[in-house]
Amino acid sequence: MVVSRVLFPLIALSLFFLPLNGLPERRLLGELSSEGAVYPMLIAVIIYGLAVIQKGSINKPNHLSYKLLMLFLAWVLISGILNSLGILTNLTKGRSGAEKFSLQFMLLLFVFFTSIVTYATLKPFHRKNILLIFRRWILFSFLFAGIYSLVIEIPAELGQGWAISILGYITPIIHPLDELEHFRLISLSGEASWFGIYLAFVFPWLMSYYFTERKTYKYIYLALIVYALILTFLTYSRTAYFIISFQIFAFVMIIFYKGTHHHRRQLLWVLIITVPLSGVLIIETNAGDKIVQMYHSIFEQDTEFQQSNISRFGSQLTAIKMGLSHPLAGVGLGQYGFDMPDYLPAWAYDSPEINLWVSSSSDTPWAPVHGLWARILAETGFVGLFLWLSVWISVLISVWKRYRKLHQIEQQNSILALSLLLSILGLMLNGLVMDSLRTLSYWITFGVAWAWLTKPTDEVEQQHDE
């Protein structure tokens, strides 16, 4: 319990710094150093590790998804052994296959332990409080990024000299390229799309506040929800638009078909107010045209997004072809960049980014997959992909069952369960466009879900079962 008290503020800080996901890289931590959330979490993992060594045992969640995740880690290691000949001979950009596999596996172990540490930290709390605590952490994190954008970034984009001056001092510290993506809101993140993905992670939790708080505060949280949507729009991120639209749609459908009468009535009032207002705003501004233009850019030629489309689709198609050629065990963790040129479609060379990625020169960037699901297929085969998907599906099923059980007997916790469900779905969709395993929102969410799902049955649930 003493250790949990020490870990608690570190986990909270890790979530608080979650939007800082594009910091300049430091040699010691490699790609992990880009994530602001890593620094407090690293301290937490070290403290927990020392406590485990002293105690001689580790807290293991009694949930199927944990066992499946352990199998996934074991399979990644087996995949590396099966591909050892290729890994030992791979060399490009001044990096060897063995180095890349070792570093990526250590990264995977670290983020896995962040799930364990989060679980161990929240396990002592009453089940009713676990998701409330998590939601409060997320709210503070959103306020951190939201206030920064409102006070500094948006005024700078509007040409306010004082804000531009402040931004000139801050940008080199939190952005590796020492420049902004003009006309696209990036807040504290490395890119506009990364900030959009972060907003998709926090958005279901912001929605939950309207349904659980008293009338005095309800409309303050409604204003925060609207502000989050405005920030999302200003990122001009197609992925963020899609994920948050999906979350809103799923939330509305679940509340109307499975929710309580009280929640349906609350939702109806929100829709009566927001739908006409949104229609007026779309008609009176160019917001609708902007959104349509963003999605049309996926298919149109000669748009500002065309090169990005080629890079993203080309990389993912390459990963899928690689996985199909190595269906059992893939090519090994971290090996995509070495084998990429052998599977790249010819049309992808039209992208200057692709040409940089396939170059063997040490001063060129490493090749991304632009999709975690495609990367896992390429690097661990269909077995690894099945195990990774099974981890997520098992968590989703458990959360859904708990929501169905709670929605009639404990309305506040049922809304939080729904937020957890939609946040997890958002993270799964995020894996279609981002390929990094270092994203701590995945791993912290696992820990929170394990702590909440494995707690003994609450008294109110026992009475309901009887």
Protein backbone atom coordinates (compact mmCIF):
# COMPACT_ATOMS: atom_id res chain seq x y z
CA MET A 1 0.00 0.00 0.00
CA VAL A 2 2.92 2.34 0.75
CA VAL A 3 4.37 1.64 -2.69
CA SER A 4 0.98 2.40 -4.27
CA ARG A 5 0.94 5.81 -2.61
CA VAL A 6 4.33 6.56 -4.17
CA LEU A 7 3.32 5.23 -7.59
CA PHE A 8 -0.05 7.01 -7.66
CA PRO A 9 1.26 10.56 -8.42
CA LEU A 10 3.75 9.14 -10.94
CA ILE A 11 0.99 7.40 -12.92
CA ALA A 12 -1.08 10.59 -12.71
CA LEU A 13 1.86 12.63 -14.04
CA SER A 14 2.37 10.13 -16.85
CA LEU A 15 -1.21 10.63 -18.01
CA PHE A 16 -0.91 14.38 -17.50
CA PHE A 17 2.05 14.50 -19.92
CA LEU A 18 0.40 12.20 -22.48
CA PRO A 19 -0.16 14.98 -25.07
CA LEU A 20 3.61 15.68 -25.06
CA ASN A 21 4.29 12.95 -27.61
CA GLY A 22 6.77 14.58 -29.99
CA LEU A 23 9.64 15.72 -27.79
CA PRO A 24 13.15 15.87 -29.30
CA GLU A 25 14.79 12.44 -29.04
CA ARG A 26 17.54 11.81 -26.50
CA ARG A 27 20.17 9.20 -27.25
CA LEU A 28 19.86 7.35 -23.94
CA LEU A 29 16.15 6.47 -24.24
CA GLY A 30 15.88 6.46 -28.04
CA GLU A 31 12.34 6.74 -29.38
CA LEU A 32 10.89 6.50 -25.86
CA SER A 33 12.36 9.92 -25.11
CA SER A 34 9.81 11.48 -27.49
CA GLU A 35 7.01 10.65 -25.06
CA GLY A 36 6.62 13.03 -22.11
CA ALA A 37 4.58 10.34 -20.33
CA VAL A 38 7.58 8.01 -20.29
CA TYR A 39 9.68 9.97 -17.78
CA PRO A 40 7.42 9.68 -14.69
CA MET A 41 6.41 6.18 -15.78
CA LEU A 42 10.06 5.10 -15.98
CA ILE A 43 10.55 6.18 -12.35
CA ALA A 44 7.37 4.28 -11.40
CA VAL A 45 8.57 1.10 -13.14
CA ILE A 46 11.95 1.29 -11.37
CA ILE A 47 10.33 1.80 -7.95
CA TYR A 48 7.89 -1.03 -8.55
CA GLY A 49 10.70 -3.28 -9.79
CA LEU A 50 12.69 -2.67 -6.60
CA ALA A 51 9.58 -3.41 -4.52
CA VAL A 52 9.02 -6.67 -6.42
CA ILE A 53 12.63 -7.73 -5.85
CA GLN A 54 12.27 -7.01 -2.13
CA LYS A 55 8.91 -8.71 -1.85
CA GLY A 56 9.77 -11.62 -4.14
CA SER A 57 6.42 -11.65 -5.97
CA ILE A 58 4.58 -9.65 -8.60
CA ASN A 59 0.90 -8.68 -8.80
CA LYS A 60 -0.53 -10.51 -11.80
CA PRO A 61 -4.04 -9.72 -13.06
CA ASN A 62 -6.31 -12.73 -13.16
CA HIS A 63 -7.76 -11.89 -16.56
CA LEU A 64 -7.65 -13.67 -19.90
CA SER A 65 -6.23 -10.63 -21.71
CA TYR A 66 -3.19 -10.64 -19.41
CA LYS A 67 -2.49 -14.29 -20.22
CA LEU A 68 -2.93 -13.61 -23.93
CA LEU A 69 -0.58 -10.64 -23.70
CA MET A 70 2.02 -12.89 -22.05
CA LEU A 71 1.58 -15.36 -24.92
CA PHE A 72 2.04 -12.49 -27.38
CA LEU A 73 5.33 -11.50 -25.71
CA ALA A 74 6.48 -15.12 -25.81
CA TRP A 75 5.54 -15.37 -29.49
CA VAL A 76 7.51 -12.20 -30.32
CA LEU A 77 10.55 -13.89 -28.79
CA ILE A 78 9.87 -17.15 -30.65
CA SER A 79 9.41 -15.19 -33.88
CA GLY A 80 12.81 -13.60 -33.31
CA ILE A 81 14.40 -17.01 -32.82
CA LEU A 82 12.77 -18.39 -35.98
CA ASN A 83 14.03 -15.36 -37.92
CA SER A 84 17.43 -15.27 -36.22
CA LEU A 85 19.42 -15.90 -39.40
CA GLY A 86 17.85 -12.92 -41.20
CA ILE A 87 18.00 -10.72 -38.09
CA LEU A 88 21.72 -11.40 -37.61
CA THR A 89 22.51 -10.49 -41.23
CA ASN A 90 20.22 -7.46 -41.60
CA LEU A 91 22.00 -4.12 -41.91
CA THR A 92 20.81 -0.72 -43.15
CA LYS A 93 21.12 2.95 -42.19
CA GLY A 94 24.05 2.02 -39.97
CA ARG A 95 21.86 -0.23 -37.79
CA SER A 96 21.87 -4.00 -37.48
CA GLY A 97 18.89 -6.32 -37.25
CA ALA A 98 20.06 -7.69 -33.90
CA GLU A 99 20.30 -4.17 -32.44
CA LYS A 100 16.85 -3.24 -33.72
CA PHE A 101 15.24 -6.45 -32.42
CA SER A 102 16.88 -6.10 -28.99
CA LEU A 103 15.88 -2.47 -28.55
CA GLN A 104 12.31 -3.06 -29.71
CA PHE A 105 11.90 -6.06 -27.43
CA MET A 106 13.20 -4.07 -24.45
CA LEU A 107 10.74 -1.31 -25.35
CA LEU A 108 7.95 -3.90 -25.47
CA LEU A 109 8.93 -5.22 -22.04
CA PHE A 110 8.98 -1.69 -20.61
CA VAL A 111 5.51 -0.77 -21.87
CA PHE A 112 4.20 -4.14 -20.69
CA PHE A 113 5.45 -3.34 -17.20
CA THR A 114 3.72 0.03 -17.34
CA SER A 115 0.45 -1.94 -17.55
CA ILE A 116 1.48 -4.02 -14.54
CA VAL A 117 2.48 -0.92 -12.54
CA THR A 118 -0.81 0.84 -13.39
CA TYR A 119 -2.75 -2.27 -12.37
CA ALA A 120 -0.83 -2.62 -9.09
CA THR A 121 -1.31 1.09 -8.29
CA LEU A 122 -5.09 1.07 -8.80
CA LYS A 123 -5.78 -2.41 -7.44
CA PRO A 124 -6.12 -1.27 -3.76
CA PHE A 125 -8.91 1.18 -4.62
CA HIS A 126 -12.60 0.35 -4.50
CA ARG A 127 -13.93 -0.64 -7.89
CA LYS A 128 -16.32 2.33 -8.00
CA ASN A 129 -13.37 4.70 -7.65
CA ILE A 130 -10.93 3.18 -10.17
CA LEU A 131 -12.53 4.65 -13.30
CA LEU A 132 -13.35 7.89 -11.49
CA ILE A 133 -9.66 8.31 -10.66
CA PHE A 134 -8.64 7.48 -14.23
CA ARG A 135 -11.18 9.95 -15.63
CA ARG A 136 -9.93 12.71 -13.32
CA TRP A 137 -6.35 12.12 -14.52
CA ILE A 138 -7.53 12.36 -18.13
CA LEU A 139 -9.46 15.57 -17.43
CA PHE A 140 -6.36 17.28 -16.01
CA SER A 141 -4.33 16.09 -19.00
CA PHE A 142 -6.90 17.54 -21.43
CA LEU A 143 -6.97 20.84 -19.53
CA PHE A 144 -3.17 20.99 -19.78
CA ALA A 145 -3.27 20.69 -23.57
CA GLY A 146 -6.50 22.64 -24.01
CA ILE A 147 -5.40 25.66 -21.99
CA TYR A 148 -2.05 25.75 -23.81
CA SER A 149 -3.84 25.82 -27.18
CA LEU A 150 -6.40 28.40 -26.05
CA VAL A 151 -3.93 30.78 -24.39
CA ILE A 152 -0.88 30.46 -26.65
CA GLU A 153 -1.22 28.47 -29.86
CA ILE A 154 -4.55 29.73 -31.21
CA PRO A 155 -3.69 33.42 -30.53
CA ALA A 156 -0.34 32.81 -32.28
CA GLU A 157 -2.13 31.38 -35.32
CA LEU A 158 -4.36 34.50 -35.30
CA GLY A 159 -1.24 36.67 -35.53
CA GLN A 160 -0.96 37.93 -31.95
CA GLY A 161 2.67 39.06 -31.54
CA TRP A 162 2.96 38.26 -27.83
CA ALA A 163 1.74 34.69 -28.42
CA ILE A 164 4.12 34.22 -31.36
CA SER A 165 7.02 35.34 -29.13
CA ILE A 166 6.08 32.88 -26.37
CA LEU A 167 5.67 30.13 -28.94
CA GLY A 168 9.15 30.89 -30.24
CA TYR A 169 10.60 29.95 -26.85
CA ILE A 170 8.41 26.88 -26.30
CA THR A 171 8.53 25.28 -29.75
CA PRO A 172 12.23 24.22 -29.71
CA ILE A 173 11.64 22.50 -26.36
CA ILE A 174 8.59 20.40 -27.21
CA HIS A 175 8.81 19.99 -30.99
CA PRO A 176 11.75 18.18 -32.61
CA LEU A 177 11.59 20.06 -35.92
CA ASP A 178 11.58 23.47 -34.21
CA GLU A 179 8.61 24.54 -36.30
CA LEU A 180 4.82 24.46 -36.33
CA GLU A 181 2.37 22.98 -38.80
CA HIS A 182 0.73 26.24 -39.75
CA PHE A 183 -3.06 26.16 -40.10
CA ARG A 184 -3.19 22.81 -38.27
CA LEU A 185 -3.46 22.73 -34.50
CA ILE A 186 -0.81 20.52 -32.87
CA SER A 187 -0.99 21.79 -29.26
CA LEU A 188 1.70 20.05 -27.20
CA SER A 189 2.02 17.11 -29.60
CA GLY A 190 4.58 16.41 -32.29
CA GLU A 191 2.11 16.55 -35.19
CA ALA A 192 -1.49 17.61 -35.74
CA SER A 193 -2.57 14.02 -36.38
CA TRP A 194 -0.93 12.89 -33.11
CA PHE A 195 -2.87 15.53 -31.18
CA GLY A 196 -6.04 14.39 -32.95
CA ILE A 197 -5.37 10.80 -31.85
CA TYR A 198 -4.84 12.02 -28.28
CA LEU A 199 -8.19 13.85 -28.40
CA ALA A 200 -9.87 10.66 -29.60
CA PHE A 201 -8.46 8.87 -26.56
CA VAL A 202 -9.79 11.42 -24.04
CA PHE A 203 -13.08 12.30 -25.75
CA PRO A 204 -15.26 9.43 -24.40
CA TRP A 205 -14.20 10.34 -20.86
CA LEU A 206 -15.14 13.98 -21.41
CA MET A 207 -18.55 12.87 -22.69
CA SER A 208 -19.12 10.86 -19.53
CA TYR A 209 -18.99 13.96 -17.32
CA TYR A 210 -22.23 15.34 -18.76
CA PHE A 211 -24.07 12.17 -17.74
CA THR A 212 -22.62 11.76 -14.25
CA GLU A 213 -22.28 15.28 -12.80
CA ARG A 214 -24.83 17.49 -11.09
CA LYS A 215 -26.66 20.22 -13.00
CA THR A 216 -24.41 22.89 -11.51
CA TYR A 217 -21.38 21.51 -13.33
CA LYS A 218 -23.06 19.65 -16.19
CA TYR A 219 -22.97 22.56 -18.62
CA ILE A 220 -19.35 23.38 -17.82
CA TYR A 221 -18.44 19.87 -18.96
CA LEU A 222 -20.68 20.24 -22.00
CA ALA A 223 -18.64 23.33 -22.89
CA LEU A 224 -15.44 21.27 -22.53
CA ILE A 225 -16.89 18.64 -24.87
CA VAL A 226 -17.66 21.32 -27.46
CA TYR A 227 -14.17 22.77 -27.03
CA ALA A 228 -12.64 19.32 -27.58
CA LEU A 229 -14.60 19.03 -30.84
CA ILE A 230 -13.36 22.48 -31.92
CA LEU A 231 -9.78 21.44 -31.20
CA THR A 232 -10.33 18.24 -33.16
CA PHE A 233 -11.65 20.20 -36.13
CA LEU A 234 -8.61 22.50 -36.06
CA THR A 235 -6.21 19.55 -36.29
CA TYR A 236 -7.62 18.76 -39.76
CA SER A 237 -6.84 15.14 -38.99
CA ARG A 238 -8.93 12.72 -41.02
CA THR A 239 -8.22 9.93 -38.55
CA ALA A 240 -9.35 11.98 -35.56
CA TYR A 241 -12.53 13.02 -37.40
CA PHE A 242 -13.34 9.38 -38.15
CA ILE A 243 -12.57 7.95 -34.70
CA ILE A 244 -14.44 10.63 -32.74
CA SER A 245 -17.41 10.46 -35.14
CA PHE A 246 -17.47 6.70 -34.61
CA GLN A 247 -17.30 7.12 -30.82
CA ILE A 248 -20.17 9.61 -30.80
CA PHE A 249 -22.29 7.39 -33.03
CA ALA A 250 -21.57 4.29 -30.91
CA PHE A 251 -22.28 6.22 -27.70
CA VAL A 252 -25.65 7.44 -29.01
CA MET A 253 -26.68 3.99 -30.28
CA ILE A 254 -25.70 2.18 -27.07
CA ILE A 255 -27.46 4.73 -24.83
CA PHE A 256 -30.64 4.67 -26.91
CA TYR A 257 -30.80 0.88 -27.23
CA LYS A 258 -29.18 -0.34 -23.99
CA GLY A 259 -29.09 2.68 -21.67
CA THR A 260 -31.46 3.66 -18.88
CA HIS A 261 -34.44 5.96 -19.37
CA HIS A 262 -32.59 8.68 -17.43
CA HIS A 263 -29.54 8.50 -19.71
CA ARG A 264 -31.70 8.45 -22.85
CA ARG A 265 -33.52 11.57 -21.68
CA GLN A 266 -30.20 13.35 -20.97
CA LEU A 267 -28.87 12.38 -24.39
CA LEU A 268 -32.05 13.54 -26.11
CA TRP A 269 -31.71 17.01 -24.57
CA VAL A 270 -28.09 17.23 -25.73
CA LEU A 271 -29.06 16.23 -29.27
CA ILE A 272 -31.96 18.72 -29.35
CA ILE A 273 -29.54 21.52 -28.47
CA THR A 274 -26.40 20.49 -30.36
CA VAL A 275 -27.70 19.11 -33.67
CA PRO A 276 -29.49 22.33 -34.80
CA LEU A 277 -26.61 24.44 -33.47
CA SER A 278 -24.08 22.31 -35.37
CA GLY A 279 -26.17 22.62 -38.53
CA VAL A 280 -26.20 26.41 -38.26
CA LEU A 281 -22.44 26.55 -37.66
CA ILE A 282 -21.72 24.27 -40.64
CA ILE A 283 -23.96 26.34 -42.92
CA GLU A 284 -22.67 29.73 -41.73
CA THR A 285 -18.98 28.74 -41.81
CA ASN A 286 -16.82 26.67 -44.13
CA ALA A 287 -16.43 23.87 -41.55
CA GLY A 288 -18.50 21.40 -43.57
CA ASP A 289 -16.59 22.14 -46.77
CA LYS A 290 -13.28 21.69 -44.92
CA ILE A 291 -14.28 18.28 -43.56
CA VAL A 292 -15.55 17.09 -46.96
CA GLN A 293 -12.37 18.36 -48.59
CA MET A 294 -10.25 16.44 -46.07
CA TYR A 295 -11.96 13.14 -46.90
CA HIS A 296 -11.95 13.79 -50.65
CA SER A 297 -8.19 14.24 -50.39
CA ILE A 298 -7.87 10.49 -49.79
CA PHE A 299 -8.97 9.77 -53.36
CA GLU A 300 -8.15 12.88 -55.39
CA GLN A 301 -4.93 13.36 -57.30
CA ASP A 302 -2.73 16.46 -57.01
CA THR A 303 -3.88 17.47 -53.52
CA GLU A 304 -1.69 18.59 -50.68
CA PHE A 305 -2.30 15.23 -49.02
CA GLN A 306 -1.50 13.09 -52.07
CA GLN A 307 2.13 12.41 -51.14
CA SER A 308 1.06 11.54 -47.61
CA ASN A 309 -1.55 9.13 -48.99
CA ILE A 310 1.06 7.38 -51.15
CA SER A 311 3.44 7.07 -48.21
CA ARG A 312 0.82 5.72 -45.82
CA PHE A 313 -0.93 3.32 -48.20
CA GLY A 314 2.37 2.19 -49.70
CA SER A 315 3.86 1.43 -46.29
CA GLN A 316 0.83 -0.51 -45.07
CA LEU A 317 0.51 -2.48 -48.30
CA THR A 318 4.19 -3.33 -48.06
CA ALA A 319 3.69 -4.61 -44.51
CA ILE A 320 0.70 -6.74 -45.54
CA LYS A 321 2.65 -8.26 -48.46
CA MET A 322 5.53 -8.95 -46.06
CA GLY A 323 3.17 -10.71 -43.65
CA LEU A 324 1.62 -12.78 -46.41
CA SER A 325 5.11 -13.88 -47.48
CA HIS A 326 5.97 -14.85 -43.88
CA PRO A 327 2.57 -15.95 -42.53
CA LEU A 328 3.73 -17.93 -39.50
CA ALA A 329 6.22 -15.72 -37.68
CA GLY A 330 6.68 -12.61 -39.83
CA VAL A 331 10.18 -11.22 -40.33
CA GLY A 332 10.90 -10.48 -36.64
CA LEU A 333 10.23 -7.54 -34.35
CA GLY A 334 11.74 -4.30 -35.65
CA GLN A 335 12.78 -5.84 -38.99
CA TYR A 336 10.21 -4.16 -41.27
CA GLY A 337 12.62 -1.39 -42.27
CA PHE A 338 15.25 -3.89 -43.44
CA ASP A 339 12.90 -5.89 -45.69
CA MET A 340 10.72 -3.00 -46.89
CA PRO A 341 12.43 -2.46 -50.30
CA ASP A 342 11.72 -6.08 -51.31
CA TYR A 343 7.94 -5.70 -50.96
CA LEU A 344 7.33 -2.06 -51.86
CA PRO A 345 4.92 -1.51 -54.82
CA ALA A 346 6.47 0.40 -57.73
CA TRP A 347 3.96 3.28 -57.56
CA ALA A 348 5.03 4.05 -53.99
CA TYR A 349 8.37 5.37 -55.24
CA ASP A 350 6.50 8.48 -56.43
CA SER A 351 6.65 9.66 -52.83
CA PRO A 352 9.84 11.48 -51.74
CA GLU A 353 9.24 10.16 -48.20
CA ILE A 354 9.28 6.57 -49.44
CA ASN A 355 12.58 7.16 -51.21
CA LEU A 356 14.09 8.44 -47.98
CA TRP A 357 12.80 5.43 -46.06
CA VAL A 358 14.21 2.83 -48.46
CA SER A 359 17.57 4.56 -48.61
CA SER A 360 20.39 2.77 -46.76
CA SER A 361 22.05 6.05 -45.83
CA SER A 362 22.47 6.51 -42.07
CA ASP A 363 21.24 10.13 -42.19
CA THR A 364 17.78 9.18 -43.49
CA PRO A 365 14.76 8.39 -41.25
CA TRP A 366 13.70 4.87 -40.34
CA ALA A 367 10.81 3.44 -42.35
CA PRO A 368 7.45 3.55 -40.52
CA VAL A 369 4.56 1.20 -41.27
CA HIS A 370 1.84 3.77 -40.46
CA GLY A 371 -0.29 1.06 -38.88
CA LEU A 372 0.29 -1.13 -35.83
CA TRP A 373 -1.96 -3.94 -37.02
CA ALA A 374 -0.11 -4.14 -40.34
CA ARG A 375 3.24 -3.93 -38.55
CA ILE A 376 2.39 -6.80 -36.18
CA LEU A 377 1.34 -8.92 -39.17
CA ALA A 378 4.60 -8.15 -40.99
CA GLU A 379 6.88 -8.68 -38.00
CA THR A 380 5.16 -11.49 -36.05
CA GLY A 381 2.95 -13.17 -38.67
CA PHE A 382 -0.66 -14.25 -38.38
CA VAL A 383 -0.02 -15.95 -35.04
CA GLY A 384 1.18 -12.67 -33.51
CA LEU A 385 -1.68 -10.74 -35.11
CA PHE A 386 -4.22 -13.24 -33.74
CA LEU A 387 -2.80 -13.00 -30.22
CA TRP A 388 -2.67 -9.18 -30.31
CA LEU A 389 -6.26 -8.99 -31.56
CA SER A 390 -7.35 -11.53 -28.94
CA VAL A 391 -5.94 -9.35 -26.15
CA TRP A 392 -8.13 -6.43 -27.22
CA ILE A 393 -11.22 -8.52 -27.93
CA SER A 394 -11.07 -10.22 -24.52
CA VAL A 395 -10.90 -6.83 -22.76
CA LEU A 396 -13.74 -5.44 -24.88
CA ILE A 397 -16.00 -8.41 -24.16
CA SER A 398 -15.36 -8.16 -20.41
CA VAL A 399 -16.03 -4.41 -20.33
CA TRP A 400 -19.20 -4.83 -22.40
CA LYS A 401 -20.48 -7.55 -20.06
CA ARG A 402 -19.77 -5.35 -17.06
CA TYR A 403 -21.59 -2.43 -18.68
CA ARG A 404 -24.65 -4.62 -19.35
CA LYS A 405 -24.59 -5.68 -15.71
CA LEU A 406 -24.18 -2.17 -14.31
CA HIS A 407 -26.38 0.01 -16.51
CA GLN A 408 -29.58 -0.72 -14.54
CA ILE A 409 -28.11 -0.81 -11.01
CA GLU A 410 -25.22 1.68 -10.92
CA GLN A 411 -25.72 4.41 -13.49
CA GLN A 412 -22.56 6.43 -12.86
CA ASN A 413 -20.20 3.47 -13.13
CA SER A 414 -22.07 2.17 -16.18
CA ILE A 415 -21.36 5.41 -18.06
CA LEU A 416 -17.70 5.14 -17.07
CA ALA A 417 -17.68 1.55 -18.32
CA LEU A 418 -19.09 2.77 -21.62
CA SER A 419 -16.37 5.43 -21.79
CA LEU A 420 -13.72 2.77 -21.21
CA LEU A 421 -15.26 0.64 -23.96
CA LEU A 422 -15.27 3.50 -26.49
CA SER A 423 -11.79 4.61 -25.51
CA ILE A 424 -10.50 1.07 -26.16
CA LEU A 425 -12.28 0.97 -29.52
CA GLY A 426 -10.64 4.30 -30.35
CA LEU A 427 -7.21 2.89 -29.48
CA MET A 428 -7.86 -0.12 -31.72
CA LEU A 429 -8.78 2.18 -34.61
CA ASN A 430 -5.69 4.26 -33.83
CA GLY A 431 -3.67 1.13 -34.64
CA LEU A 432 -4.82 1.44 -38.25
CA VAL A 433 -2.80 4.64 -38.74
CA MET A 434 -0.02 4.66 -36.11
CA ASP A 435 2.54 1.89 -35.74
CA SER A 436 4.43 2.61 -32.52
CA LEU A 437 4.27 0.32 -29.49
CA ARG A 438 5.58 3.11 -27.27
CA THR A 439 2.20 4.88 -27.04
CA LEU A 440 1.46 4.64 -23.32
CA SER A 441 -2.27 5.23 -23.74
CA TYR A 442 -2.49 1.56 -24.87
CA TRP A 443 -0.66 0.20 -21.88
CA ILE A 444 -2.06 2.42 -19.15
CA THR A 445 -5.56 1.55 -20.38
CA PHE A 446 -4.76 -2.16 -20.08
CA GLY A 447 -3.68 -1.63 -16.47
CA VAL A 448 -6.80 0.38 -15.63
CA ALA A 449 -9.06 -2.21 -17.26
CA TRP A 450 -7.38 -5.07 -15.38
CA ALA A 451 -7.69 -3.27 -12.03
CA TRP A 452 -11.37 -2.52 -12.65
CA LEU A 453 -12.35 -5.89 -14.12
CA THR A 454 -10.58 -8.12 -11.58
CA LYS A 455 -11.83 -6.45 -8.39
CA PRO A 456 -14.18 -8.57 -6.25
CA THR A 457 -17.87 -8.08 -7.02
CA ASP A 458 -19.34 -4.97 -5.43
CA GLU A 459 -22.10 -5.37 -2.83
CA VAL A 460 -24.66 -3.69 -5.08
CA GLU A 461 -23.90 -6.21 -7.85
CA GLN A 462 -24.16 -9.13 -5.42
CA GLN A 463 -27.60 -7.93 -4.35
CA HIS A 464 -28.63 -7.61 -7.99
CA ASP A 465 -27.44 -11.14 -8.77
CA GLU A 466 -29.42 -12.50 -5.84
